[in-house]
Amino acid sequence: FPEMLSNPRLIPVQGTLNVVMNQDVILSCHSDSGSPPVRYTLFKCNQKVSTLNRSDLTPGLFNLTIGSASDVGEYKCKAENNVSSGGKYSNSLNFTLREQISKPVLSSPTSQAKTGQNVTLSCLSENGSFPITYVFFKGRQSISPPLKMQKREPAVIFRLINSSSDFGTYKCKAENSFHNNTKYSNSFNFTLAEERSHSQPLIISLGLILLLFIIGLALAIQFFIIPSYKASE
């Protein structure tokens, strides 16, 4: 007698849902029991993608290409035969798009610092799938624990400039789950900010007083001393 189909199972043939851009994938839709022929239909976000007909209970294999971020939505399949009214639906699958990270940018609000000053360093990769892990370095020595970021925002550390040795070269690195995908940033150097001498304002003030004195003396000579001298002749 004709037998209703069992709910189909939707699985990736490669065994993984982690994909990269422009990757070809194969999805298998299969009902273990039921009377053939069987019609398999693949849906993405409730929109029909493709339909396959099978004369027996062999799986329906759907070939896809992940060409953009919109291709990683929810997928389901439906199995129908001459007995199943409305068909039977499978489990849902969601792909995770893995993207290589770009070279991170290391920056700071200031490039000049004084001894004893706290400075800020930020590290950010503009591209790459999450999570992204950042580590900061001074020279070849790490100066931070791994900082794992789950969204597109910079990893930030605060650094105390204790001595002249803290004005060396800083870098950061970024990596994610993409295999062999570690990127290092640009180099960043702090320079010593020039400290104004405490005596400088005093010198400027004395210079201004001396200048005013000379101007006053010149005016006195011109308007008082010279006329008085001429009057006494």
C-alpha atoms as a PDB file:
ATOM      1  CA  PHE A   1       0.000   0.000   0.000  1.00  0.00           C
ATOM      2  CA  PRO A   2       1.141   3.618  -0.544  1.00  0.00           C
ATOM      3  CA  GLU A   3       3.022   4.881   2.493  1.00  0.00           C
ATOM      4  CA  MET A   4       3.324   8.443   3.777  1.00  0.00           C
ATOM      5  CA  LEU A   5       6.759   9.970   3.801  1.00  0.00           C
ATOM      6  CA  SER A   6       8.718  10.466   6.978  1.00  0.00           C
ATOM      7  CA  ASN A   7       9.951  13.930   7.835  1.00  0.00           C
ATOM      8  CA  PRO A   8      13.053  14.535   5.719  1.00  0.00           C
ATOM      9  CA  ARG A   9      16.452  15.363   7.154  1.00  0.00           C
ATOM     10  CA  LEU A  10      18.403  18.281   5.727  1.00  0.00           C
ATOM     11  CA  ILE A  11      22.172  17.975   6.179  1.00  0.00           C
ATOM     12  CA  PRO A  12      25.293  19.444   4.540  1.00  0.00           C
ATOM     13  CA  VAL A  13      27.137  16.792   2.540  1.00  0.00           C
ATOM     14  CA  GLN A  14      30.523  18.247   3.578  1.00  0.00           C
ATOM     15  CA  GLY A  15      29.523  17.925   7.245  1.00  0.00           C
ATOM     16  CA  THR A  16      30.044  21.568   8.167  1.00  0.00           C
ATOM     17  CA  LEU A  17      27.966  24.740   8.225  1.00  0.00           C
ATOM     18  CA  ASN A  18      30.977  27.048   8.409  1.00  0.00           C
ATOM     19  CA  VAL A  19      31.494  28.476   4.947  1.00  0.00           C
ATOM     20  CA  VAL A  20      33.546  31.136   3.203  1.00  0.00           C
ATOM     21  CA  MET A  21      32.514  33.563   0.490  1.00  0.00           C
ATOM     22  CA  ASN A  22      32.027  31.995  -2.979  1.00  0.00           C
ATOM     23  CA  GLN A  23      32.151  28.477  -1.541  1.00  0.00           C
ATOM     24  CA  ASP A  24      30.135  25.709  -3.242  1.00  0.00           C
ATOM     25  CA  VAL A  25      28.055  23.605  -0.860  1.00  0.00           C
ATOM     26  CA  ILE A  26      25.759  20.595  -1.242  1.00  0.00           C
ATOM     27  CA  LEU A  27      22.675  20.045   0.893  1.00  0.00           C
ATOM     28  CA  SER A  28      21.065  16.623   1.132  1.00  0.00           C
ATOM     29  CA  CYS A  29      17.314  16.293   1.710  1.00  0.00           C
ATOM     30  CA  HIS A  30      16.180  12.744   2.451  1.00  0.00           C
ATOM     31  CA  SER A  31      13.102  10.929   3.748  1.00  0.00           C
ATOM     32  CA  ASP A  32      14.027   7.524   5.144  1.00  0.00           C
ATOM     33  CA  SER A  33      10.639   5.956   4.513  1.00  0.00           C
ATOM     34  CA  GLY A  34       7.578   6.424   2.313  1.00  0.00           C
ATOM     35  CA  SER A  35       6.363   5.497  -1.112  1.00  0.00           C
ATOM     36  CA  PRO A  36       8.207   6.929  -4.122  1.00  0.00           C
ATOM     37  CA  PRO A  37       8.247   8.882  -6.326  1.00  0.00           C
ATOM     38  CA  VAL A  38       9.341  11.779  -4.096  1.00  0.00           C
ATOM     39  CA  ARG A  39       9.568  15.467  -4.864  1.00  0.00           C
ATOM     40  CA  TYR A  40      12.078  17.448  -2.763  1.00  0.00           C
ATOM     41  CA  THR A  41      11.878  21.242  -2.560  1.00  0.00           C
ATOM     42  CA  LEU A  42      14.528  23.445  -0.942  1.00  0.00           C
ATOM     43  CA  PHE A  43      13.517  26.713   0.717  1.00  0.00           C
ATOM     44  CA  LYS A  44      15.549  29.623   1.981  1.00  0.00           C
ATOM     45  CA  CYS A  45      13.688  31.892   4.399  1.00  0.00           C
ATOM     46  CA  ASN A  46      10.391  30.414   3.072  1.00  0.00           C
ATOM     47  CA  GLN A  47      11.331  31.237  -0.530  1.00  0.00           C
ATOM     48  CA  LYS A  48      11.592  28.301  -2.945  1.00  0.00           C
ATOM     49  CA  VAL A  49      15.138  27.752  -4.206  1.00  0.00           C
ATOM     50  CA  SER A  50      14.922  24.550  -6.239  1.00  0.00           C
ATOM     51  CA  THR A  51      12.916  21.324  -6.741  1.00  0.00           C
ATOM     52  CA  LEU A  52      14.152  17.797  -7.476  1.00  0.00           C
ATOM     53  CA  ASN A  53      12.203  14.653  -8.371  1.00  0.00           C
ATOM     54  CA  ARG A  54      13.323  11.181  -7.322  1.00  0.00           C
ATOM     55  CA  SER A  55      11.846   7.910  -8.555  1.00  0.00           C
ATOM     56  CA  ASP A  56      13.073   6.119  -5.422  1.00  0.00           C
ATOM     57  CA  LEU A  57      14.138   7.035  -1.879  1.00  0.00           C
ATOM     58  CA  THR A  58      17.565   8.346  -2.808  1.00  0.00           C
ATOM     59  CA  PRO A  59      18.385  11.797  -1.350  1.00  0.00           C
ATOM     60  CA  GLY A  60      17.762  15.010  -3.211  1.00  0.00           C
ATOM     61  CA  LEU A  61      21.089  16.834  -3.535  1.00  0.00           C
ATOM     62  CA  PHE A  62      20.975  20.617  -3.890  1.00  0.00           C
ATOM     63  CA  ASN A  63      24.061  22.493  -5.114  1.00  0.00           C
ATOM     64  CA  LEU A  64      24.491  26.021  -3.775  1.00  0.00           C
ATOM     65  CA  THR A  65      27.086  28.778  -4.000  1.00  0.00           C
ATOM     66  CA  ILE A  66      27.492  31.143  -1.048  1.00  0.00           C
ATOM     67  CA  GLY A  67      27.989  34.317  -3.049  1.00  0.00           C
ATOM     68  CA  SER A  68      26.979  36.905  -0.461  1.00  0.00           C
ATOM     69  CA  ALA A  69      26.019  37.335   3.189  1.00  0.00           C
ATOM     70  CA  SER A  70      22.348  36.973   2.211  1.00  0.00           C
ATOM     71  CA  ASP A  71      23.003  33.341   1.200  1.00  0.00           C
ATOM     72  CA  VAL A  72      23.558  32.229   4.803  1.00  0.00           C
ATOM     73  CA  GLY A  73      19.931  32.487   5.963  1.00  0.00           C
ATOM     74  CA  GLU A  74      17.696  29.666   7.175  1.00  0.00           C
ATOM     75  CA  TYR A  75      17.257  26.652   4.869  1.00  0.00           C
ATOM     76  CA  LYS A  76      14.571  23.961   4.996  1.00  0.00           C
ATOM     77  CA  CYS A  77      13.361  21.285   2.625  1.00  0.00           C
ATOM     78  CA  LYS A  78      10.009  19.664   1.961  1.00  0.00           C
ATOM     79  CA  ALA A  79       9.323  16.110   0.805  1.00  0.00           C
ATOM     80  CA  GLU A  80       6.114  15.195  -1.044  1.00  0.00           C
ATOM     81  CA  ASN A  81       4.672  12.071  -2.602  1.00  0.00           C
ATOM     82  CA  ASN A  82       1.231  10.991  -3.782  1.00  0.00           C
ATOM     83  CA  VAL A  83       0.153  10.179  -0.211  1.00  0.00           C
ATOM     84  CA  SER A  84       1.503  13.048   1.916  1.00  0.00           C
ATOM     85  CA  SER A  85      -0.989  15.902   1.947  1.00  0.00           C
ATOM     86  CA  GLY A  86       0.913  19.186   2.000  1.00  0.00           C
ATOM     87  CA  GLY A  87       4.250  17.418   2.309  1.00  0.00           C
ATOM     88  CA  LYS A  88       6.610  16.934   5.232  1.00  0.00           C
ATOM     89  CA  TYR A  89       9.176  19.534   6.317  1.00  0.00           C
ATOM     90  CA  SER A  90      12.713  19.017   7.519  1.00  0.00           C
ATOM     91  CA  ASN A  91      14.790  20.562  10.243  1.00  0.00           C
ATOM     92  CA  SER A  92      16.264  24.006   9.528  1.00  0.00           C
ATOM     93  CA  LEU A  93      19.912  24.758   8.774  1.00  0.00           C
ATOM     94  CA  ASN A  94      21.840  28.004   9.064  1.00  0.00           C
ATOM     95  CA  PHE A  95      25.264  28.581   7.571  1.00  0.00           C
ATOM     96  CA  THR A  96      27.917  30.626   9.380  1.00  0.00           C
ATOM     97  CA  LEU A  97      29.916  32.811   7.049  1.00  0.00           C
ATOM     98  CA  ARG A  98      33.617  32.850   7.868  1.00  0.00           C
ATOM     99  CA  GLU A  99      35.529  35.824   6.514  1.00  0.00           C
ATOM    100  CA  GLN A 100      39.247  36.462   6.646  1.00  0.00           C
ATOM    101  CA  ILE A 101      40.244  39.382   8.829  1.00  0.00           C
ATOM    102  CA  SER A 102      41.868  42.451   7.346  1.00  0.00           C
ATOM    103  CA  LYS A 103      45.091  43.981   8.629  1.00  0.00           C
ATOM    104  CA  PRO A 104      44.251  45.690  11.941  1.00  0.00           C
ATOM    105  CA  VAL A 105      44.912  49.367  12.519  1.00  0.00           C
ATOM    106  CA  LEU A 106      46.667  50.426  15.724  1.00  0.00           C
ATOM    107  CA  SER A 107      45.948  53.990  16.824  1.00  0.00           C
ATOM    108  CA  SER A 108      45.892  56.340  19.802  1.00  0.00           C
ATOM    109  CA  PRO A 109      44.252  59.723  20.469  1.00  0.00           C
ATOM    110  CA  THR A 110      47.728  61.165  20.949  1.00  0.00           C
ATOM    111  CA  SER A 111      51.196  60.433  19.618  1.00  0.00           C
ATOM    112  CA  GLN A 112      52.976  62.495  22.292  1.00  0.00           C
ATOM    113  CA  ALA A 113      53.195  61.665  25.970  1.00  0.00           C
ATOM    114  CA  LYS A 114      55.001  62.675  29.148  1.00  0.00           C
ATOM    115  CA  THR A 115      56.576  60.413  31.717  1.00  0.00           C
ATOM    116  CA  GLY A 116      53.890  59.380  34.199  1.00  0.00           C
ATOM    117  CA  GLN A 117      51.063  59.816  31.685  1.00  0.00           C
ATOM    118  CA  ASN A 118      48.406  57.187  30.875  1.00  0.00           C
ATOM    119  CA  VAL A 119      47.890  56.606  27.148  1.00  0.00           C
ATOM    120  CA  THR A 120      45.260  54.666  25.178  1.00  0.00           C
ATOM    121  CA  LEU A 121      45.870  52.182  22.360  1.00  0.00           C
ATOM    122  CA  SER A 122      43.097  50.884  20.071  1.00  0.00           C
ATOM    123  CA  CYS A 123      43.268  47.959  17.638  1.00  0.00           C
ATOM    124  CA  LEU A 124      40.584  47.251  15.015  1.00  0.00           C
ATOM    125  CA  SER A 125      40.148  45.033  11.936  1.00  0.00           C
ATOM    126  CA  GLU A 126      37.528  46.455   9.576  1.00  0.00           C
ATOM    127  CA  ASN A 127      36.741  43.035   8.072  1.00  0.00           C
ATOM    128  CA  GLY A 128      36.515  39.493   9.367  1.00  0.00           C
ATOM    129  CA  SER A 129      33.991  37.131  10.923  1.00  0.00           C
ATOM    130  CA  PHE A 130      33.535  37.107  14.695  1.00  0.00           C
ATOM    131  CA  PRO A 131      34.812  36.532  17.238  1.00  0.00           C
ATOM    132  CA  ILE A 132      38.087  38.374  16.619  1.00  0.00           C
ATOM    133  CA  THR A 133      40.871  38.089  19.185  1.00  0.00           C
ATOM    134  CA  TYR A 134      43.353  40.945  19.628  1.00  0.00           C
ATOM    135  CA  VAL A 135      46.717  40.992  21.431  1.00  0.00           C
ATOM    136  CA  PHE A 136      48.905  44.079  21.983  1.00  0.00           C
ATOM    137  CA  PHE A 137      52.710  44.066  21.845  1.00  0.00           C
ATOM    138  CA  LYS A 138      55.576  46.342  22.707  1.00  0.00           C
ATOM    139  CA  GLY A 139      58.463  45.166  20.620  1.00  0.00           C
ATOM    140  CA  ARG A 140      58.119  41.380  20.634  1.00  0.00           C
ATOM    141  CA  GLN A 141      56.626  41.170  24.128  1.00  0.00           C
ATOM    142  CA  SER A 142      52.864  40.921  24.628  1.00  0.00           C
ATOM    143  CA  ILE A 143      51.484  43.555  26.988  1.00  0.00           C
ATOM    144  CA  SER A 144      47.849  42.412  27.128  1.00  0.00           C
ATOM    145  CA  PRO A 145      45.855  39.210  27.521  1.00  0.00           C
ATOM    146  CA  PRO A 146      43.915  38.020  24.443  1.00  0.00           C
ATOM    147  CA  LEU A 147      40.908  40.325  24.020  1.00  0.00           C
ATOM    148  CA  LYS A 148      38.009  38.553  22.255  1.00  0.00           C
ATOM    149  CA  MET A 149      35.548  40.905  20.520  1.00  0.00           C
ATOM    150  CA  GLN A 150      32.110  39.691  19.425  1.00  0.00           C
ATOM    151  CA  LYS A 151      31.223  42.746  17.325  1.00  0.00           C
ATOM    152  CA  ARG A 152      32.878  45.384  15.168  1.00  0.00           C
ATOM    153  CA  GLU A 153      34.487  47.531  17.829  1.00  0.00           C
ATOM    154  CA  PRO A 154      38.139  48.166  18.727  1.00  0.00           C
ATOM    155  CA  ALA A 155      40.018  46.388  21.461  1.00  0.00           C
ATOM    156  CA  VAL A 156      41.398  49.025  23.843  1.00  0.00           C
ATOM    157  CA  ILE A 157      44.156  48.995  26.446  1.00  0.00           C
ATOM    158  CA  PHE A 158      45.563  51.675  28.739  1.00  0.00           C
ATOM    159  CA  ARG A 159      49.320  52.033  29.158  1.00  0.00           C
ATOM    160  CA  LEU A 160      51.279  53.982  31.761  1.00  0.00           C
ATOM    161  CA  ILE A 161      54.399  55.674  30.389  1.00  0.00           C
ATOM    162  CA  ASN A 162      56.815  55.081  33.253  1.00  0.00           C
ATOM    163  CA  SER A 163      60.167  55.681  31.606  1.00  0.00           C
ATOM    164  CA  SER A 164      61.891  56.384  28.311  1.00  0.00           C
ATOM    165  CA  SER A 165      61.765  52.656  27.472  1.00  0.00           C
ATOM    166  CA  ASP A 166      57.968  52.910  27.215  1.00  0.00           C
ATOM    167  CA  PHE A 167      58.359  55.125  24.140  1.00  0.00           C
ATOM    168  CA  GLY A 168      59.257  52.090  21.998  1.00  0.00           C
ATOM    169  CA  THR A 169      57.382  50.485  19.097  1.00  0.00           C
ATOM    170  CA  TYR A 170      53.867  49.122  19.671  1.00  0.00           C
ATOM    171  CA  LYS A 171      51.883  46.688  17.513  1.00  0.00           C
ATOM    172  CA  CYS A 172      48.795  44.514  17.773  1.00  0.00           C
ATOM    173  CA  LYS A 173      47.662  41.314  16.081  1.00  0.00           C
ATOM    174  CA  ALA A 174      44.206  40.054  15.167  1.00  0.00           C
ATOM    175  CA  GLU A 175      42.985  36.540  14.435  1.00  0.00           C
ATOM    176  CA  ASN A 176      39.711  34.646  14.117  1.00  0.00           C
ATOM    177  CA  SER A 177      38.613  31.057  13.486  1.00  0.00           C
ATOM    178  CA  PHE A 178      39.693  31.254   9.857  1.00  0.00           C
ATOM    179  CA  HIS A 179      42.603  28.824   9.452  1.00  0.00           C
ATOM    180  CA  ASN A 180      46.075  30.439   9.404  1.00  0.00           C
ATOM    181  CA  ASN A 181      44.641  33.937   9.394  1.00  0.00           C
ATOM    182  CA  THR A 182      46.699  36.082  11.783  1.00  0.00           C
ATOM    183  CA  LYS A 183      47.329  39.691  10.799  1.00  0.00           C
ATOM    184  CA  TYR A 184      49.666  42.241  12.399  1.00  0.00           C
ATOM    185  CA  SER A 185      49.027  45.965  12.536  1.00  0.00           C
ATOM    186  CA  ASN A 186      51.091  48.977  11.643  1.00  0.00           C
ATOM    187  CA  SER A 187      53.764  50.127  14.102  1.00  0.00           C
ATOM    188  CA  PHE A 188      52.963  52.960  16.491  1.00  0.00           C
ATOM    189  CA  ASN A 189      55.437  55.051  18.473  1.00  0.00           C
ATOM    190  CA  PHE A 190      54.883  57.601  21.200  1.00  0.00           C
ATOM    191  CA  THR A 191      57.214  60.604  21.261  1.00  0.00           C
ATOM    192  CA  LEU A 192      58.185  62.591  24.328  1.00  0.00           C
ATOM    193  CA  ALA A 193      56.154  65.759  24.676  1.00  0.00           C
ATOM    194  CA  GLU A 194      58.271  68.857  25.290  1.00  0.00           C
ATOM    195  CA  GLU A 195      57.818  70.116  28.815  1.00  0.00           C
ATOM    196  CA  ARG A 196      57.770  73.905  29.153  1.00  0.00           C
ATOM    197  CA  SER A 197      60.281  75.221  31.678  1.00  0.00           C
ATOM    198  CA  HIS A 198      58.826  76.824  34.844  1.00  0.00           C
ATOM    199  CA  SER A 199      61.223  79.787  34.408  1.00  0.00           C
ATOM    200  CA  GLN A 200      60.007  80.520  30.880  1.00  0.00           C
ATOM    201  CA  PRO A 201      56.958  82.604  31.934  1.00  0.00           C
ATOM    202  CA  LEU A 202      59.191  84.630  34.286  1.00  0.00           C
ATOM    203  CA  ILE A 203      61.696  85.340  31.515  1.00  0.00           C
ATOM    204  CA  ILE A 204      58.896  86.467  29.213  1.00  0.00           C
ATOM    205  CA  SER A 205      57.481  88.753  31.917  1.00  0.00           C
ATOM    206  CA  LEU A 206      60.884  90.312  32.630  1.00  0.00           C
ATOM    207  CA  GLY A 207      61.414  90.832  28.908  1.00  0.00           C
ATOM    208  CA  LEU A 208      58.093  92.640  28.596  1.00  0.00           C
ATOM    209  CA  ILE A 209      58.891  94.853  31.618  1.00  0.00           C
ATOM    210  CA  LEU A 210      62.301  95.731  30.148  1.00  0.00           C
ATOM    211  CA  LEU A 211      60.697  96.534  26.775  1.00  0.00           C
ATOM    212  CA  LEU A 212      58.119  98.806  28.414  1.00  0.00           C
ATOM    213  CA  PHE A 213      60.885 100.512  30.397  1.00  0.00           C
ATOM    214  CA  ILE A 214      62.888 101.222  27.226  1.00  0.00           C
ATOM    215  CA  ILE A 215      59.789 102.576  25.445  1.00  0.00           C
ATOM    216  CA  GLY A 216      58.972 104.766  28.466  1.00  0.00           C
ATOM    217  CA  LEU A 217      62.514 106.064  28.645  1.00  0.00           C
ATOM    218  CA  ALA A 218      62.495 106.914  24.935  1.00  0.00           C
ATOM    219  CA  LEU A 219      59.212 108.787  25.286  1.00  0.00           C
ATOM    220  CA  ALA A 220      60.505 110.690  28.339  1.00  0.00           C
ATOM    221  CA  ILE A 221      63.624 111.747  26.453  1.00  0.00           C
ATOM    222  CA  GLN A 222      61.621 112.896  23.465  1.00  0.00           C
ATOM    223  CA  PHE A 223      58.874 114.825  25.277  1.00  0.00           C
ATOM    224  CA  PHE A 224      60.463 116.007  28.533  1.00  0.00           C
ATOM    225  CA  ILE A 225      64.218 115.905  28.615  1.00  0.00           C
ATOM    226  CA  ILE A 226      64.926 117.297  25.139  1.00  0.00           C
ATOM    227  CA  PRO A 227      62.379 120.188  25.408  1.00  0.00           C
ATOM    228  CA  SER A 228      63.740 121.106  28.858  1.00  0.00           C
ATOM    229  CA  TYR A 229      67.279 121.121  27.548  1.00  0.00           C
ATOM    230  CA  LYS A 230      66.368 123.403  24.622  1.00  0.00           C
ATOM    231  CA  ALA A 231      64.474 125.796  26.942  1.00  0.00           C
ATOM    232  CA  SER A 232      67.530 126.207  29.174  1.00  0.00           C
ATOM    233  CA  GLU A 233      69.814 127.222  26.287  1.00  0.00           C
END
